[in-house]
Amino acid sequence: MDKLNVFARIHEMETQMGQLHSDLGELKLAVKELLEENQRLMIENEQVRKMLKRETSGEEKTASKPKLPPPIVVKNEEETGEVVGEGYDNLARLYHEGFHICNVYYGHLRTEGDCLFCLSFLNK
């Protein structure tokens, strides 16, 4: 083997190793994303199973149903009573089912207990 052939071959191997390294980095990122999504789905699945178990056992129909505040009655200029609490009730129900209702994480699953943003939104 002559010297130029050896150096050309080494350069070719370095190029291949660089490509393999970048491919390995991309695969690591893909695996990380899949593991995170899998964990999130497992937590969500567990919460859905708990909710389904509560509904089928009849607990939700009795005392375990979360107590929501009464609907707010707002009177307009004509002094007619109008109930404006259905949206609030829906948001409170979503929060008690384990989802964020704040503008920061809206719709995401609550995994670490209560969210101060959501609670301050509910208390407005």
PDB file of N, CA and C in Angstrom:
ATOM      1  N   MET A   1       0.841  -1.189   0.000  1.00  0.00           N
ATOM      2  CA  MET A   1       0.000   0.000   0.000  1.00  0.00           C
ATOM      3  C   MET A   1       0.877   1.240   0.000  1.00  0.00           C
ATOM      4  N   ASP A   2       0.543   2.156  -0.816  1.00  0.00           N
ATOM      5  CA  ASP A   2       1.320   3.387  -0.814  1.00  0.00           C
ATOM      6  C   ASP A   2       0.750   4.366   0.214  1.00  0.00           C
ATOM      7  N   LYS A   3       1.498   5.390   0.518  1.00  0.00           N
ATOM      8  CA  LYS A   3       1.146   6.317   1.592  1.00  0.00           C
ATOM      9  C   LYS A   3      -0.147   7.082   1.283  1.00  0.00           C
ATOM     10  N   LEU A   4      -0.360   7.479   0.040  1.00  0.00           N
ATOM     11  CA  LEU A   4      -1.564   8.223  -0.315  1.00  0.00           C
ATOM     12  C   LEU A   4      -2.814   7.372  -0.152  1.00  0.00           C
ATOM     13  N   ASN A   5      -2.709   6.105  -0.494  1.00  0.00           N
ATOM     14  CA  ASN A   5      -3.846   5.203  -0.351  1.00  0.00           C
ATOM     15  C   ASN A   5      -4.220   5.037   1.126  1.00  0.00           C
ATOM     16  N   VAL A   6      -3.212   4.943   1.997  1.00  0.00           N
ATOM     17  CA  VAL A   6      -3.463   4.787   3.426  1.00  0.00           C
ATOM     18  C   VAL A   6      -4.150   6.034   3.978  1.00  0.00           C
ATOM     19  N   PHE A   7      -3.646   7.208   3.615  1.00  0.00           N
ATOM     20  CA  PHE A   7      -4.249   8.444   4.107  1.00  0.00           C
ATOM     21  C   PHE A   7      -5.662   8.643   3.555  1.00  0.00           C
ATOM     22  N   ALA A   8      -5.877   8.272   2.335  1.00  0.00           N
ATOM     23  CA  ALA A   8      -7.216   8.377   1.752  1.00  0.00           C
ATOM     24  C   ALA A   8      -8.182   7.445   2.477  1.00  0.00           C
ATOM     25  N   ARG A   9      -7.711   6.285   2.788  1.00  0.00           N
ATOM     26  CA  ARG A   9      -8.557   5.320   3.507  1.00  0.00           C
ATOM     27  C   ARG A   9      -8.869   5.806   4.929  1.00  0.00           C
ATOM     28  N   ILE A  10      -7.873   6.378   5.614  1.00  0.00           N
ATOM     29  CA  ILE A  10      -8.095   6.916   6.962  1.00  0.00           C
ATOM     30  C   ILE A  10      -9.103   8.059   6.899  1.00  0.00           C
ATOM     31  N   HIS A  11      -8.953   8.939   5.915  1.00  0.00           N
ATOM     32  CA  HIS A  11      -9.894  10.055   5.763  1.00  0.00           C
ATOM     33  C   HIS A  11     -11.315   9.531   5.502  1.00  0.00           C
ATOM     34  N   GLU A  12     -11.430   8.517   4.701  1.00  0.00           N
ATOM     35  CA  GLU A  12     -12.734   7.912   4.415  1.00  0.00           C
ATOM     36  C   GLU A  12     -13.356   7.321   5.683  1.00  0.00           C
ATOM     37  N   MET A  13     -12.537   6.648   6.500  1.00  0.00           N
ATOM     38  CA  MET A  13     -13.030   6.070   7.751  1.00  0.00           C
ATOM     39  C   MET A  13     -13.456   7.163   8.724  1.00  0.00           C
ATOM     40  N   GLU A  14     -12.713   8.266   8.791  1.00  0.00           N
ATOM     41  CA  GLU A  14     -13.086   9.384   9.662  1.00  0.00           C
ATOM     42  C   GLU A  14     -14.430   9.973   9.244  1.00  0.00           C
ATOM     43  N   THR A  15     -14.634  10.091   7.953  1.00  0.00           N
ATOM     44  CA  THR A  15     -15.908  10.617   7.447  1.00  0.00           C
ATOM     45  C   THR A  15     -17.050   9.692   7.831  1.00  0.00           C
ATOM     46  N   GLN A  16     -16.851   8.398   7.665  1.00  0.00           N
ATOM     47  CA  GLN A  16     -17.882   7.422   8.040  1.00  0.00           C
ATOM     48  C   GLN A  16     -18.166   7.460   9.534  1.00  0.00           C
ATOM     49  N   MET A  17     -17.122   7.580  10.347  1.00  0.00           N
ATOM     50  CA  MET A  17     -17.308   7.639  11.796  1.00  0.00           C
ATOM     51  C   MET A  17     -18.071   8.901  12.199  1.00  0.00           C
ATOM     52  N   GLY A  18     -17.777  10.016  11.544  1.00  0.00           N
ATOM     53  CA  GLY A  18     -18.513  11.245  11.819  1.00  0.00           C
ATOM     54  C   GLY A  18     -19.984  11.097  11.486  1.00  0.00           C
ATOM     55  N   GLN A  19     -20.281  10.469  10.360  1.00  0.00           N
ATOM     56  CA  GLN A  19     -21.667  10.240   9.961  1.00  0.00           C
ATOM     57  C   GLN A  19     -22.365   9.302  10.948  1.00  0.00           C
ATOM     58  N   LEU A  20     -21.683   8.233  11.351  1.00  0.00           N
ATOM     59  CA  LEU A  20     -22.250   7.312  12.337  1.00  0.00           C
ATOM     60  C   LEU A  20     -22.500   8.017  13.667  1.00  0.00           C
ATOM     61  N   HIS A  21     -21.600   8.904  14.065  1.00  0.00           N
ATOM     62  CA  HIS A  21     -21.771   9.636  15.314  1.00  0.00           C
ATOM     63  C   HIS A  21     -23.005  10.538  15.257  1.00  0.00           C
ATOM     64  N   SER A  22     -23.184  11.236  14.150  1.00  0.00           N
ATOM     65  CA  SER A  22     -24.364  12.103  14.031  1.00  0.00           C
ATOM     66  C   SER A  22     -25.650  11.275  13.972  1.00  0.00           C
ATOM     67  N   ASP A  23     -25.616  10.130  13.280  1.00  0.00           N
ATOM     68  CA  ASP A  23     -26.786   9.247  13.246  1.00  0.00           C
ATOM     69  C   ASP A  23     -27.117   8.727  14.642  1.00  0.00           C
ATOM     70  N   LEU A  24     -26.086   8.385  15.413  1.00  0.00           N
ATOM     71  CA  LEU A  24     -26.297   7.901  16.770  1.00  0.00           C
ATOM     72  C   LEU A  24     -26.913   8.994  17.642  1.00  0.00           C
ATOM     73  N   GLY A  25     -26.470  10.233  17.473  1.00  0.00           N
ATOM     74  CA  GLY A  25     -27.050  11.349  18.220  1.00  0.00           C
ATOM     75  C   GLY A  25     -28.521  11.540  17.891  1.00  0.00           C
ATOM     76  N   GLU A  26     -28.881  11.441  16.615  1.00  0.00           N
ATOM     77  CA  GLU A  26     -30.279  11.566  16.208  1.00  0.00           C
ATOM     78  C   GLU A  26     -31.126  10.439  16.800  1.00  0.00           C
ATOM     79  N   LEU A  27     -30.590   9.222  16.781  1.00  0.00           N
ATOM     80  CA  LEU A  27     -31.315   8.093  17.359  1.00  0.00           C
ATOM     81  C   LEU A  27     -31.508   8.262  18.865  1.00  0.00           C
ATOM     82  N   LYS A  28     -30.493   8.784  19.559  1.00  0.00           N
ATOM     83  CA  LYS A  28     -30.625   9.018  20.995  1.00  0.00           C
ATOM     84  C   LYS A  28     -31.736  10.022  21.282  1.00  0.00           C
ATOM     85  N   LEU A  29     -31.809  11.082  20.485  1.00  0.00           N
ATOM     86  CA  LEU A  29     -32.875  12.066  20.662  1.00  0.00           C
ATOM     87  C   LEU A  29     -34.247  11.448  20.425  1.00  0.00           C
ATOM     88  N   ALA A  30     -34.352  10.624  19.385  1.00  0.00           N
ATOM     89  CA  ALA A  30     -35.634   9.978  19.080  1.00  0.00           C
ATOM     90  C   ALA A  30     -36.049   9.042  20.212  1.00  0.00           C
ATOM     91  N   VAL A  31     -35.098   8.278  20.754  1.00  0.00           N
ATOM     92  CA  VAL A  31     -35.406   7.365  21.855  1.00  0.00           C
ATOM     93  C   VAL A  31     -35.819   8.153  23.088  1.00  0.00           C
ATOM     94  N   LYS A  32     -35.142   9.263  23.365  1.00  0.00           N
ATOM     95  CA  LYS A  32     -35.485  10.102  24.519  1.00  0.00           C
ATOM     96  C   LYS A  32     -36.910  10.628  24.385  1.00  0.00           C
ATOM     97  N   GLU A  33     -37.268  11.137  23.208  1.00  0.00           N
ATOM     98  CA  GLU A  33     -38.621  11.652  22.991  1.00  0.00           C
ATOM     99  C   GLU A  33     -39.660  10.547  23.150  1.00  0.00           C
ATOM    100  N   LEU A  34     -39.364   9.369  22.631  1.00  0.00           N
ATOM    101  CA  LEU A  34     -40.300   8.251  22.761  1.00  0.00           C
ATOM    102  C   LEU A  34     -40.470   7.825  24.213  1.00  0.00           C
ATOM    103  N   LEU A  35     -39.393   7.801  24.967  1.00  0.00           N
ATOM    104  CA  LEU A  35     -39.487   7.433  26.382  1.00  0.00           C
ATOM    105  C   LEU A  35     -40.293   8.460  27.168  1.00  0.00           C
ATOM    106  N   GLU A  36     -40.084   9.741  26.888  1.00  0.00           N
ATOM    107  CA  GLU A  36     -40.859  10.787  27.571  1.00  0.00           C
ATOM    108  C   GLU A  36     -42.337  10.678  27.230  1.00  0.00           C
ATOM    109  N   GLU A  37     -42.633  10.471  25.956  1.00  0.00           N
ATOM    110  CA  GLU A  37     -44.036  10.335  25.551  1.00  0.00           C
ATOM    111  C   GLU A  37     -44.659   9.089  26.174  1.00  0.00           C
ATOM    112  N   ASN A  38     -43.901   8.000  26.225  1.00  0.00           N
ATOM    113  CA  ASN A  38     -44.396   6.768  26.822  1.00  0.00           C
ATOM    114  C   ASN A  38     -44.719   6.984  28.300  1.00  0.00           C
ATOM    115  N   GLN A  39     -43.844   7.677  29.016  1.00  0.00           N
ATOM    116  CA  GLN A  39     -44.082   7.944  30.428  1.00  0.00           C
ATOM    117  C   GLN A  39     -45.321   8.809  30.621  1.00  0.00           C
ATOM    118  N   ARG A  40     -45.456   9.852  29.790  1.00  0.00           N
ATOM    119  CA  ARG A  40     -46.622  10.729  29.884  1.00  0.00           C
ATOM    120  C   ARG A  40     -47.903   9.961  29.604  1.00  0.00           C
ATOM    121  N   LEU A  41     -47.884   9.101  28.599  1.00  0.00           N
ATOM    122  CA  LEU A  41     -49.068   8.318  28.264  1.00  0.00           C
ATOM    123  C   LEU A  41     -49.395   7.295  29.349  1.00  0.00           C
ATOM    124  N   MET A  42     -48.370   6.734  29.987  1.00  0.00           N
ATOM    125  CA  MET A  42     -48.625   5.791  31.078  1.00  0.00           C
ATOM    126  C   MET A  42     -49.314   6.491  32.250  1.00  0.00           C
ATOM    127  N   ILE A  43     -48.867   7.699  32.587  1.00  0.00           N
ATOM    128  CA  ILE A  43     -49.482   8.453  33.677  1.00  0.00           C
ATOM    129  C   ILE A  43     -50.912   8.815  33.318  1.00  0.00           C
ATOM    130  N   GLU A  44     -51.109   9.292  32.103  1.00  0.00           N
ATOM    131  CA  GLU A  44     -52.454   9.655  31.662  1.00  0.00           C
ATOM    132  C   GLU A  44     -53.366   8.432  31.640  1.00  0.00           C
ATOM    133  N   ASN A  45     -52.860   7.309  31.184  1.00  0.00           N
ATOM    134  CA  ASN A  45     -53.633   6.069  31.131  1.00  0.00           C
ATOM    135  C   ASN A  45     -54.035   5.638  32.540  1.00  0.00           C
ATOM    136  N   GLU A  46     -53.115   5.777  33.483  1.00  0.00           N
ATOM    137  CA  GLU A  46     -53.416   5.406  34.869  1.00  0.00           C
ATOM    138  C   GLU A  46     -54.532   6.290  35.439  1.00  0.00           C
ATOM    139  N   GLN A  47     -54.476   7.584  35.139  1.00  0.00           N
ATOM    140  CA  GLN A  47     -55.516   8.490  35.627  1.00  0.00           C
ATOM    141  C   GLN A  47     -56.860   8.190  34.975  1.00  0.00           C
ATOM    142  N   VAL A  48     -56.849   7.862  33.701  1.00  0.00           N
ATOM    143  CA  VAL A  48     -58.101   7.516  33.010  1.00  0.00           C
ATOM    144  C   VAL A  48     -58.693   6.236  33.598  1.00  0.00           C
ATOM    145  N   ARG A  49     -57.838   5.273  33.912  1.00  0.00           N
ATOM    146  CA  ARG A  49     -58.333   4.034  34.532  1.00  0.00           C
ATOM    147  C   ARG A  49     -58.951   4.316  35.895  1.00  0.00           C
ATOM    148  N   LYS A  50     -58.321   5.201  36.672  1.00  0.00           N
ATOM    149  CA  LYS A  50     -58.882   5.546  37.979  1.00  0.00           C
ATOM    150  C   LYS A  50     -60.246   6.207  37.813  1.00  0.00           C
ATOM    151  N   MET A  51     -60.356   7.125  36.853  1.00  0.00           N
ATOM    152  CA  MET A  51     -61.635   7.795  36.623  1.00  0.00           C
ATOM    153  C   MET A  51     -62.692   6.800  36.169  1.00  0.00           C
ATOM    154  N   LEU A  52     -62.319   5.889  35.288  1.00  0.00           N
ATOM    155  CA  LEU A  52     -63.259   4.879  34.805  1.00  0.00           C
ATOM    156  C   LEU A  52     -63.695   3.963  35.937  1.00  0.00           C
ATOM    157  N   LYS A  53     -62.757   3.604  36.791  1.00  0.00           N
ATOM    158  CA  LYS A  53     -63.092   2.744  37.933  1.00  0.00           C
ATOM    159  C   LYS A  53     -64.055   3.451  38.876  1.00  0.00           C
ATOM    160  N   ARG A  54     -63.830   4.754  39.107  1.00  0.00           N
ATOM    161  CA  ARG A  54     -64.741   5.518  39.959  1.00  0.00           C
ATOM    162  C   ARG A  54     -66.133   5.579  39.342  1.00  0.00           C
ATOM    163  N   GLU A  55     -66.207   5.806  38.039  1.00  0.00           N
ATOM    164  CA  GLU A  55     -67.507   5.906  37.379  1.00  0.00           C
ATOM    165  C   GLU A  55     -68.258   4.587  37.400  1.00  0.00           C
ATOM    166  N   THR A  56     -67.556   3.482  37.155  1.00  0.00           N
ATOM    167  CA  THR A  56     -68.228   2.188  37.113  1.00  0.00           C
ATOM    168  C   THR A  56     -68.623   1.706  38.499  1.00  0.00           C
ATOM    169  N   SER A  57     -67.866   2.122  39.526  1.00  0.00           N
ATOM    170  CA  SER A  57     -68.220   1.666  40.874  1.00  0.00           C
ATOM    171  C   SER A  57     -69.307   2.530  41.498  1.00  0.00           C
ATOM    172  N   GLY A  58     -69.638   3.634  40.864  1.00  0.00           N
ATOM    173  CA  GLY A  58     -70.725   4.463  41.350  1.00  0.00           C
ATOM    174  C   GLY A  58     -70.297   5.496  42.366  1.00  0.00           C
ATOM    175  N   GLU A  59     -69.013   5.585  42.643  1.00  0.00           N
ATOM    176  CA  GLU A  59     -68.542   6.553  43.614  1.00  0.00           C
ATOM    177  C   GLU A  59     -68.756   7.981  43.132  1.00  0.00           C
ATOM    178  N   GLU A  60     -68.633   8.187  41.854  1.00  0.00           N
ATOM    179  CA  GLU A  60     -68.749   9.549  41.339  1.00  0.00           C
ATOM    180  C   GLU A  60     -70.164  10.082  41.507  1.00  0.00           C
ATOM    181  N   LYS A  61     -71.154   9.197  41.513  1.00  0.00           N
ATOM    182  CA  LYS A  61     -72.542   9.627  41.661  1.00  0.00           C
ATOM    183  C   LYS A  61     -72.866  10.004  43.096  1.00  0.00           C
ATOM    184  N   THR A  62     -72.022   9.559  44.045  1.00  0.00           N
ATOM    185  CA  THR A  62     -72.293   9.830  45.455  1.00  0.00           C
ATOM    186  C   THR A  62     -71.399  10.955  45.958  1.00  0.00           C
ATOM    187  N   ALA A  63     -70.853  10.799  47.126  1.00  0.00           N
ATOM    188  CA  ALA A  63     -70.147  11.872  47.816  1.00  0.00           C
ATOM    189  C   ALA A  63     -68.780  12.206  47.239  1.00  0.00           C
ATOM    190  N   SER A  64     -68.195  11.383  46.421  1.00  0.00           N
ATOM    191  CA  SER A  64     -66.850  11.669  45.946  1.00  0.00           C
ATOM    192  C   SER A  64     -66.827  12.693  44.823  1.00  0.00           C
ATOM    193  N   LYS A  65     -67.950  13.105  44.337  1.00  0.00           N
ATOM    194  CA  LYS A  65     -67.984  14.114  43.281  1.00  0.00           C
ATOM    195  C   LYS A  65     -67.457  15.423  43.852  1.00  0.00           C
ATOM    196  N   PRO A  66     -66.508  16.075  43.163  1.00  0.00           N
ATOM    197  CA  PRO A  66     -65.930  17.298  43.704  1.00  0.00           C
ATOM    198  C   PRO A  66     -66.985  18.388  43.834  1.00  0.00           C
ATOM    199  N   LYS A  67     -66.905  19.107  44.937  1.00  0.00           N
ATOM    200  CA  LYS A  67     -67.874  20.171  45.166  1.00  0.00           C
ATOM    201  C   LYS A  67     -67.417  21.404  44.418  1.00  0.00           C
ATOM    202  N   LEU A  68     -68.248  21.890  43.540  1.00  0.00           N
ATOM    203  CA  LEU A  68     -67.945  23.075  42.770  1.00  0.00           C
ATOM    204  C   LEU A  68     -68.711  24.249  43.347  1.00  0.00           C
ATOM    205  N   PRO A  69     -68.162  25.436  43.242  1.00  0.00           N
ATOM    206  CA  PRO A  69     -68.871  26.593  43.764  1.00  0.00           C
ATOM    207  C   PRO A  69     -70.144  26.843  42.965  1.00  0.00           C
ATOM    208  N   PRO A  70     -71.127  27.495  43.585  1.00  0.00           N
ATOM    209  CA  PRO A  70     -72.377  27.743  42.881  1.00  0.00           C
ATOM    210  C   PRO A  70     -72.157  28.677  41.700  1.00  0.00           C
ATOM    211  N   PRO A  71     -73.006  28.572  40.669  1.00  0.00           N
ATOM    212  CA  PRO A  71     -72.847  29.450  39.523  1.00  0.00           C
ATOM    213  C   PRO A  71     -73.029  30.908  39.912  1.00  0.00           C
ATOM    214  N   ILE A  72     -72.322  31.776  39.228  1.00  0.00           N
ATOM    215  CA  ILE A  72     -72.362  33.203  39.517  1.00  0.00           C
ATOM    216  C   ILE A  72     -73.517  33.828  38.747  1.00  0.00           C
ATOM    217  N   VAL A  73     -74.330  34.636  39.446  1.00  0.00           N
ATOM    218  CA  VAL A  73     -75.450  35.315  38.804  1.00  0.00           C
ATOM    219  C   VAL A  73     -75.039  36.757  38.584  1.00  0.00           C
ATOM    220  N   VAL A  74     -75.044  37.176  37.320  1.00  0.00           N
ATOM    221  CA  VAL A  74     -74.686  38.539  36.961  1.00  0.00           C
ATOM    222  C   VAL A  74     -75.917  39.224  36.411  1.00  0.00           C
ATOM    223  N   LYS A  75     -76.175  40.424  36.890  1.00  0.00           N
ATOM    224  CA  LYS A  75     -77.335  41.169  36.396  1.00  0.00           C
ATOM    225  C   LYS A  75     -76.840  42.214  35.414  1.00  0.00           C
ATOM    226  N   ASN A  76     -77.479  42.257  34.257  1.00  0.00           N
ATOM    227  CA  ASN A  76     -77.098  43.264  33.285  1.00  0.00           C
ATOM    228  C   ASN A  76     -77.850  44.555  33.546  1.00  0.00           C
ATOM    229  N   GLU A  77     -77.768  45.497  32.635  1.00  0.00           N
ATOM    230  CA  GLU A  77     -78.372  46.809  32.840  1.00  0.00           C
ATOM    231  C   GLU A  77     -79.887  46.731  32.995  1.00  0.00           C
ATOM    232  N   GLU A  78     -80.508  45.746  32.430  1.00  0.00           N
ATOM    233  CA  GLU A  78     -81.966  45.622  32.491  1.00  0.00           C
ATOM    234  C   GLU A  78     -82.415  44.863  33.733  1.00  0.00           C
ATOM    235  N   GLU A  79     -81.497  44.524  34.644  1.00  0.00           N
ATOM    236  CA  GLU A  79     -81.779  43.816  35.887  1.00  0.00           C
ATOM    237  C   GLU A  79     -82.395  42.427  35.671  1.00  0.00           C
ATOM    238  N   THR A  80     -82.013  41.757  34.595  1.00  0.00           N
ATOM    239  CA  THR A  80     -82.470  40.385  34.376  1.00  0.00           C
ATOM    240  C   THR A  80     -81.369  39.455  34.858  1.00  0.00           C
ATOM    241  N   GLY A  81     -81.741  38.411  35.589  1.00  0.00           N
ATOM    242  CA  GLY A  81     -80.754  37.468  36.109  1.00  0.00           C
ATOM    243  C   GLY A  81     -80.258  36.539  35.011  1.00  0.00           C
ATOM    244  N   GLU A  82     -78.955  36.406  34.917  1.00  0.00           N
ATOM    245  CA  GLU A  82     -78.371  35.541  33.903  1.00  0.00           C
ATOM    246  C   GLU A  82     -77.308  34.680  34.570  1.00  0.00           C
ATOM    247  N   VAL A  83     -77.361  33.369  34.389  1.00  0.00           N
ATOM    248  CA  VAL A  83     -76.407  32.463  35.014  1.00  0.00           C
ATOM    249  C   VAL A  83     -75.168  32.394  34.137  1.00  0.00           C
ATOM    250  N   VAL A  84     -74.022  32.742  34.722  1.00  0.00           N
ATOM    251  CA  VAL A  84     -72.765  32.728  33.989  1.00  0.00           C
ATOM    252  C   VAL A  84     -71.793  31.825  34.725  1.00  0.00           C
ATOM    253  N   GLY A  85     -72.102  30.564  34.873  1.00  0.00           N
ATOM    254  CA  GLY A  85     -71.234  29.694  35.633  1.00  0.00           C
ATOM    255  C   GLY A  85     -70.922  28.386  34.961  1.00  0.00           C
ATOM    256  N   GLU A  86     -71.514  28.124  33.820  1.00  0.00           N
ATOM    257  CA  GLU A  86     -71.319  26.830  33.164  1.00  0.00           C
ATOM    258  C   GLU A  86     -69.876  26.654  32.707  1.00  0.00           C
ATOM    259  N   GLY A  87     -69.288  27.690  32.136  1.00  0.00           N
ATOM    260  CA  GLY A  87     -67.896  27.599  31.694  1.00  0.00           C
ATOM    261  C   GLY A  87     -66.957  27.403  32.866  1.00  0.00           C
ATOM    262  N   TYR A  88     -67.230  28.126  33.943  1.00  0.00           N
ATOM    263  CA  TYR A  88     -66.421  27.987  35.149  1.00  0.00           C
ATOM    264  C   TYR A  88     -66.537  26.570  35.705  1.00  0.00           C
ATOM    265  N   ASP A  89     -67.745  26.037  35.718  1.00  0.00           N
ATOM    266  CA  ASP A  89     -67.957  24.670  36.210  1.00  0.00           C
ATOM    267  C   ASP A  89     -67.178  23.665  35.351  1.00  0.00           C
ATOM    268  N   ASN A  90     -67.185  23.859  34.046  1.00  0.00           N
ATOM    269  CA  ASN A  90     -66.454  22.954  33.157  1.00  0.00           C
ATOM    270  C   ASN A  90     -64.950  23.027  33.414  1.00  0.00           C
ATOM    271  N   LEU A  91     -64.433  24.238  33.606  1.00  0.00           N
ATOM    272  CA  LEU A  91     -63.003  24.370  33.898  1.00  0.00           C
ATOM    273  C   LEU A  91     -62.649  23.736  35.236  1.00  0.00           C
ATOM    274  N   ALA A  92     -63.500  23.927  36.238  1.00  0.00           N
ATOM    275  CA  ALA A  92     -63.243  23.325  37.552  1.00  0.00           C
ATOM    276  C   ALA A  92     -63.276  21.805  37.448  1.00  0.00           C
ATOM    277  N   ARG A  93     -64.197  21.272  36.669  1.00  0.00           N
ATOM    278  CA  ARG A  93     -64.278  19.819  36.480  1.00  0.00           C
ATOM    279  C   ARG A  93     -63.011  19.313  35.802  1.00  0.00           C
ATOM    280  N   LEU A  94     -62.545  20.010  34.757  1.00  0.00           N
ATOM    281  CA  LEU A  94     -61.308  19.609  34.084  1.00  0.00           C
ATOM    282  C   LEU A  94     -60.125  19.624  35.046  1.00  0.00           C
ATOM    283  N   TYR A  95     -60.073  20.662  35.893  1.00  0.00           N
ATOM    284  CA  TYR A  95     -58.973  20.752  36.851  1.00  0.00           C
ATOM    285  C   TYR A  95     -59.017  19.585  37.834  1.00  0.00           C
ATOM    286  N   HIS A  96     -60.207  19.249  38.318  1.00  0.00           N
ATOM    287  CA  HIS A  96     -60.333  18.143  39.269  1.00  0.00           C
ATOM    288  C   HIS A  96     -60.089  16.787  38.616  1.00  0.00           C
ATOM    289  N   GLU A  97     -60.199  16.707  37.289  1.00  0.00           N
ATOM    290  CA  GLU A  97     -59.887  15.469  36.583  1.00  0.00           C
ATOM    291  C   GLU A  97     -58.394  15.329  36.317  1.00  0.00           C
ATOM    292  N   GLY A  98     -57.619  16.363  36.633  1.00  0.00           N
ATOM    293  CA  GLY A  98     -56.168  16.246  36.527  1.00  0.00           C
ATOM    294  C   GLY A  98     -55.542  16.989  35.376  1.00  0.00           C
ATOM    295  N   PHE A  99     -56.238  17.970  34.806  1.00  0.00           N
ATOM    296  CA  PHE A  99     -55.690  18.722  33.684  1.00  0.00           C
ATOM    297  C   PHE A  99     -55.488  20.182  34.072  1.00  0.00           C
ATOM    298  N   HIS A 100     -54.503  20.815  33.443  1.00  0.00           N
ATOM    299  CA  HIS A 100     -54.253  22.231  33.671  1.00  0.00           C
ATOM    300  C   HIS A 100     -55.328  23.061  32.974  1.00  0.00           C
ATOM    301  N   ILE A 101     -55.742  24.160  33.621  1.00  0.00           N
ATOM    302  CA  ILE A 101     -56.685  25.094  32.998  1.00  0.00           C
ATOM    303  C   ILE A 101     -56.080  26.487  32.901  1.00  0.00           C
ATOM    304  N   CYS A 102     -54.837  26.639  33.344  1.00  0.00           N
ATOM    305  CA  CYS A 102     -54.173  27.941  33.284  1.00  0.00           C
ATOM    306  C   CYS A 102     -53.662  28.179  31.863  1.00  0.00           C
ATOM    307  N   ASN A 103     -53.375  29.460  31.583  1.00  0.00           N
ATOM    308  CA  ASN A 103     -52.910  29.794  30.242  1.00  0.00           C
ATOM    309  C   ASN A 103     -51.491  29.316  29.985  1.00  0.00           C
ATOM    310  N   VAL A 104     -50.758  28.935  31.019  1.00  0.00           N
ATOM    311  CA  VAL A 104     -49.380  28.485  30.842  1.00  0.00           C
ATOM    312  C   VAL A 104     -49.316  27.053  30.315  1.00  0.00           C
ATOM    313  N   TYR A 105     -50.111  26.153  30.909  1.00  0.00           N
ATOM    314  CA  TYR A 105     -50.048  24.731  30.549  1.00  0.00           C
ATOM    315  C   TYR A 105     -51.410  24.178  30.152  1.00  0.00           C
ATOM    316  N   TYR A 106     -52.283  24.979  29.616  1.00  0.00           N
ATOM    317  CA  TYR A 106     -53.668  24.582  29.360  1.00  0.00           C
ATOM    318  C   TYR A 106     -53.758  23.238  28.626  1.00  0.00           C
ATOM    319  N   GLY A 107     -54.524  22.315  29.188  1.00  0.00           N
ATOM    320  CA  GLY A 107     -54.773  21.029  28.555  1.00  0.00           C
ATOM    321  C   GLY A 107     -53.753  19.958  28.868  1.00  0.00           C
ATOM    322  N   HIS A 108     -52.626  20.331  29.443  1.00  0.00           N
ATOM    323  CA  HIS A 108     -51.615  19.328  29.791  1.00  0.00           C
ATOM    324  C   HIS A 108     -52.030  18.613  31.072  1.00  0.00           C
ATOM    325  N   LEU A 109     -51.543  17.420  31.213  1.00  0.00           N
ATOM    326  CA  LEU A 109     -51.834  16.597  32.384  1.00  0.00           C
ATOM    327  C   LEU A 109     -51.068  17.144  33.589  1.00  0.00           C
ATOM    328  N   ARG A 110     -51.746  17.292  34.734  1.00  0.00           N
ATOM    329  CA  ARG A 110     -51.080  17.721  35.967  1.00  0.00           C
ATOM    330  C   ARG A 110     -50.446  16.494  36.594  1.00  0.00           C
ATOM    331  N   THR A 111     -49.128  16.474  36.680  1.00  0.00           N
ATOM    332  CA  THR A 111     -48.436  15.307  37.224  1.00  0.00           C
ATOM    333  C   THR A 111     -47.857  15.568  38.601  1.00  0.00           C
ATOM    334  N   GLU A 112     -47.719  16.826  38.995  1.00  0.00           N
ATOM    335  CA  GLU A 112     -47.052  17.136  40.253  1.00  0.00           C
ATOM    336  C   GLU A 112     -47.979  17.832  41.240  1.00  0.00           C
ATOM    337  N   GLY A 113     -49.196  17.398  41.362  1.00  0.00           N
ATOM    338  CA  GLY A 113     -50.105  17.983  42.337  1.00  0.00           C
ATOM    339  C   GLY A 113     -50.784  19.238  41.817  1.00  0.00           C
ATOM    340  N   ASP A 114     -51.101  20.145  42.741  1.00  0.00           N
ATOM    341  CA  ASP A 114     -51.831  21.350  42.379  1.00  0.00           C
ATOM    342  C   ASP A 114     -50.929  22.350  41.677  1.00  0.00           C
ATOM    343  N   CYS A 115     -51.545  23.124  40.788  1.00  0.00           N
ATOM    344  CA  CYS A 115     -50.843  24.163  40.035  1.00  0.00           C
ATOM    345  C   CYS A 115     -51.314  25.515  40.563  1.00  0.00           C
ATOM    346  N   LEU A 116     -50.369  26.344  40.970  1.00  0.00           N
ATOM    347  CA  LEU A 116     -50.726  27.643  41.530  1.00  0.00           C
ATOM    348  C   LEU A 116     -51.399  28.542  40.500  1.00  0.00           C
ATOM    349  N   PHE A 117     -50.994  28.443  39.246  1.00  0.00           N
ATOM    350  CA  PHE A 117     -51.614  29.241  38.190  1.00  0.00           C
ATOM    351  C   PHE A 117     -53.087  28.850  38.041  1.00  0.00           C
ATOM    352  N   CYS A 118     -53.336  27.551  38.005  1.00  0.00           N
ATOM    353  CA  CYS A 118     -54.724  27.069  37.865  1.00  0.00           C
ATOM    354  C   CYS A 118     -55.566  27.485  39.060  1.00  0.00           C
ATOM    355  N   LEU A 119     -55.008  27.331  40.258  1.00  0.00           N
ATOM    356  CA  LEU A 119     -55.758  27.683  41.456  1.00  0.00           C
ATOM    357  C   LEU A 119     -56.072  29.179  41.510  1.00  0.00           C
ATOM    358  N   SER A 120     -55.103  30.009  41.109  1.00  0.00           N
ATOM    359  CA  SER A 120     -55.377  31.446  41.108  1.00  0.00           C
ATOM    360  C   SER A 120     -56.421  31.785  40.053  1.00  0.00           C
ATOM    361  N   PHE A 121     -56.424  31.048  38.939  1.00  0.00           N
ATOM    362  CA  PHE A 121     -57.447  31.267  37.912  1.00  0.00           C
ATOM    363  C   PHE A 121     -58.828  30.875  38.432  1.00  0.00           C
ATOM    364  N   LEU A 122     -58.909  29.783  39.169  1.00  0.00           N
ATOM    365  CA  LEU A 122     -60.190  29.346  39.719  1.00  0.00           C
ATOM    366  C   LEU A 122     -60.706  30.301  40.792  1.00  0.00           C
ATOM    367  N   ASN A 123     -59.807  30.946  41.515  1.00  0.00           N
ATOM    368  CA  ASN A 123     -60.203  31.837  42.605  1.00  0.00           C
ATOM    369  C   ASN A 123     -60.554  33.238  42.141  1.00  0.00           C
ATOM    370  N   LYS A 124     -60.394  33.540  40.842  1.00  0.00           N
ATOM    371  CA  LYS A 124     -60.730  34.878  40.332  1.00  0.00           C
ATOM    372  C   LYS A 124     -62.212  35.104  40.387  1.00  0.00           C
TER     373      LYS A 124
END
